[in-house]
Amino acid sequence: MRHDAFIGQVQARARLDSRGAAEEATRATLETLAERVDPGLGDDLAAQLPRGIGENVRRMTRQTEQGPGAEAFDAPEFLSRVAQRAHSDEPQASHSTRAVFEVLDEATTGEIMDRVRQALPRDVRELVGSGA
């Protein structure tokens, strides 16, 4: 999937009023996800995404590699981080996070999103849906 199509799908599914808001929601979700999963898994995911979008994951996995590794946090913290990064409230962060994950499911191949979901705690998996 191309960058423009990815962002357009996020904008439509999350019902965001601009491409900029969709870019911000995508970046916020992927940066938060990258903090939560193992850096190697983050790199595997980034490799399947359009370059600019994948860079959101890579940037955070590089920071995680220098630190203690994947952070352990739950769904409320996940949403709080997405909301803060996206300059939105938590209900909007929840809606846009689910939209980003839906598009990730369509933009990736193989079992990468299954592996990503399995790396997340149950409450975050419930937040982002079960996948395609």
Protein backbone atom coordinates (compact mmCIF):
# COMPACT_ATOMS: atom_id res chain seq x y z
CA MET A 1 0.00 0.00 0.00
CA ARG A 2 1.27 3.45 -0.87
CA HIS A 3 1.70 6.23 1.69
CA ASP A 4 -1.16 8.38 0.33
CA ALA A 5 -3.57 5.45 0.27
CA PHE A 6 -2.63 4.44 3.82
CA ILE A 7 -3.22 7.94 5.20
CA GLY A 8 -6.39 8.36 3.15
CA GLN A 9 -7.79 5.13 4.60
CA VAL A 10 -6.95 6.21 8.16
CA GLN A 11 -8.59 9.59 7.54
CA ALA A 12 -11.76 7.99 6.16
CA ARG A 13 -12.10 5.25 8.78
CA ALA A 14 -11.32 7.49 11.74
CA ARG A 15 -13.52 10.24 10.24
CA LEU A 16 -10.76 12.81 10.63
CA ASP A 17 -11.20 16.23 9.11
CA SER A 18 -7.78 16.47 7.41
CA ARG A 19 -4.88 14.47 6.05
CA GLY A 20 -2.71 16.20 8.63
CA ALA A 21 -4.87 14.80 11.43
CA ALA A 22 -4.63 11.33 9.83
CA GLU A 23 -0.84 11.64 9.59
CA GLU A 24 -0.71 12.69 13.24
CA ALA A 25 -2.98 9.85 14.39
CA THR A 26 -0.93 7.33 12.41
CA ARG A 27 2.36 8.64 13.80
CA ALA A 28 1.02 8.69 17.37
CA THR A 29 -0.32 5.15 17.16
CA LEU A 30 2.80 3.69 15.57
CA GLU A 31 5.20 5.45 17.94
CA THR A 32 3.22 4.17 20.92
CA LEU A 33 3.05 0.67 19.44
CA ALA A 34 6.81 0.71 18.88
CA GLU A 35 7.34 1.49 22.56
CA ARG A 36 5.19 -1.52 23.51
CA VAL A 37 6.64 -4.26 21.27
CA ASP A 38 10.09 -5.78 20.97
CA PRO A 39 12.36 -3.70 18.70
CA GLY A 40 12.88 -6.64 16.31
CA LEU A 41 9.14 -7.02 15.83
CA GLY A 42 8.84 -3.27 15.32
CA ASP A 43 11.48 -3.44 12.61
CA ASP A 44 9.66 -6.34 10.93
CA LEU A 45 6.46 -4.30 10.89
CA ALA A 46 8.20 -1.16 9.63
CA ALA A 47 9.73 -3.12 6.75
CA GLN A 48 6.25 -3.81 5.37
CA LEU A 49 5.01 -0.23 5.56
CA PRO A 50 5.49 2.70 3.20
CA ARG A 51 8.81 4.36 4.00
CA GLY A 52 7.50 7.51 5.69
CA ILE A 53 5.00 5.56 7.75
CA GLY A 54 7.45 2.82 8.67
CA GLU A 55 9.89 5.47 9.85
CA ASN A 56 7.50 6.27 12.73
CA VAL A 57 8.11 2.75 14.01
CA ARG A 58 11.83 2.66 13.21
CA ARG A 59 12.53 5.92 15.02
CA MET A 60 11.01 4.60 18.24
CA THR A 61 12.55 1.13 17.96
CA ARG A 62 15.98 2.71 17.67
CA GLN A 63 15.30 4.55 20.93
CA THR A 64 13.99 1.36 22.55
CA GLU A 65 17.09 -0.58 21.46
CA GLN A 66 19.19 1.92 23.42
CA GLY A 67 16.96 1.55 26.47
CA PRO A 68 15.44 -1.31 28.44
CA GLY A 69 13.44 -2.83 25.54
CA ALA A 70 9.69 -3.06 25.14
CA GLU A 71 7.81 -1.19 27.82
CA ALA A 72 4.99 -2.88 29.71
CA PHE A 73 1.86 -0.73 29.80
CA ASP A 74 -1.86 -1.31 29.53
CA ALA A 75 -4.63 0.01 27.28
CA PRO A 76 -5.36 3.17 29.32
CA GLU A 77 -1.68 4.13 29.11
CA PHE A 78 -1.57 3.21 25.42
CA LEU A 79 -4.51 5.53 24.73
CA SER A 80 -3.09 8.26 26.93
CA ARG A 81 0.15 8.23 24.95
CA VAL A 82 -1.63 8.21 21.60
CA ALA A 83 -3.91 11.07 22.69
CA GLN A 84 -0.99 13.13 23.91
CA ARG A 85 1.04 12.58 20.74
CA ALA A 86 -1.95 13.21 18.46
CA HIS A 87 -3.15 16.24 20.45
CA SER A 88 -6.57 14.64 20.86
CA ASP A 89 -8.71 13.23 23.62
CA GLU A 90 -8.81 9.57 24.60
CA PRO A 91 -12.12 8.70 22.85
CA GLN A 92 -10.73 10.07 19.58
CA ALA A 93 -7.41 8.31 20.23
CA SER A 94 -9.29 5.03 20.70
CA HIS A 95 -11.20 5.48 17.46
CA SER A 96 -8.16 6.51 15.42
CA THR A 97 -5.99 3.74 16.90
CA ARG A 98 -8.50 1.12 15.80
CA ALA A 99 -8.58 2.72 12.32
CA VAL A 100 -4.78 2.64 12.07
CA PHE A 101 -4.74 -1.04 13.04
CA GLU A 102 -7.41 -1.83 10.43
CA VAL A 103 -5.26 -0.22 7.76
CA LEU A 104 -2.14 -1.97 9.09
CA ASP A 105 -3.98 -5.28 8.65
CA GLU A 106 -4.57 -4.46 4.99
CA ALA A 107 -1.13 -2.96 4.33
CA THR A 108 0.89 -5.90 5.65
CA THR A 109 1.28 -9.51 4.62
CA GLY A 110 2.02 -12.77 6.33
CA GLU A 111 1.54 -13.08 10.04
CA ILE A 112 3.14 -9.80 11.10
CA MET A 113 -0.02 -8.30 12.58
CA ASP A 114 -0.83 -11.56 14.36
CA ARG A 115 2.64 -11.39 15.91
CA VAL A 116 2.13 -7.73 16.83
CA ARG A 117 -1.20 -8.46 18.50
CA GLN A 118 0.23 -11.43 20.41
CA ALA A 119 2.95 -9.13 21.78
CA LEU A 120 0.29 -6.86 23.28
CA PRO A 121 -1.58 -7.43 26.53
CA ARG A 122 -5.20 -8.57 26.27
CA ASP A 123 -6.70 -5.15 27.00
CA VAL A 124 -4.70 -3.52 24.20
CA ARG A 125 -5.64 -6.35 21.80
CA GLU A 126 -9.29 -5.71 22.63
CA LEU A 127 -8.75 -2.01 21.96
CA VAL A 128 -7.25 -2.57 18.51
CA GLY A 129 -9.51 -5.40 17.36
CA SER A 130 -8.78 -8.92 16.28
CA GLY A 131 -7.63 -8.19 12.74
CA ALA A 132 -8.83 -9.29 9.35
